[in-house]
Amino acid sequence: MHYSDADGFVWDISVERETWEQFRPSDGDIKRKPEHISVVELRNAMVEIVRVSGGVAVDELHRETLRIFGGKKRTPGILVRLNQGLQYGVDTQRLKLSGDLVALP
């Protein structure tokens, strides 16, 4: 069985969306458009980047997250989606935003 979240992403009924910690990076052959990446996956990638870096500026976090998913250009639309992922991370208390610095709570 499956269910759809508010963004239209389909999840297996056994998966708790809010506690899911994985993400699927692009392997080079397949590039997903940012709007095809759930904010949950974006958040999870951002958490990993912050965990490894010990804290990072928003601009650098955007760049690294985009790279993980095979992107290069930070267009206005892509920045909106990246910010949605960051906000979801803050809202679910997996990320902390202090000015321009993102850290783990």
Foldseek 3Di string as FASTA:
>chain_A
DWDADPLGDIDDPVDDLLPDQAADFDPQVDADDLSPGDLSNLLNQLLVVQVVVVKDFQVVSLQSSCVRRPHHDDDVVSVVSSVSSVVSCVVSQQWDDDPRMIHGD
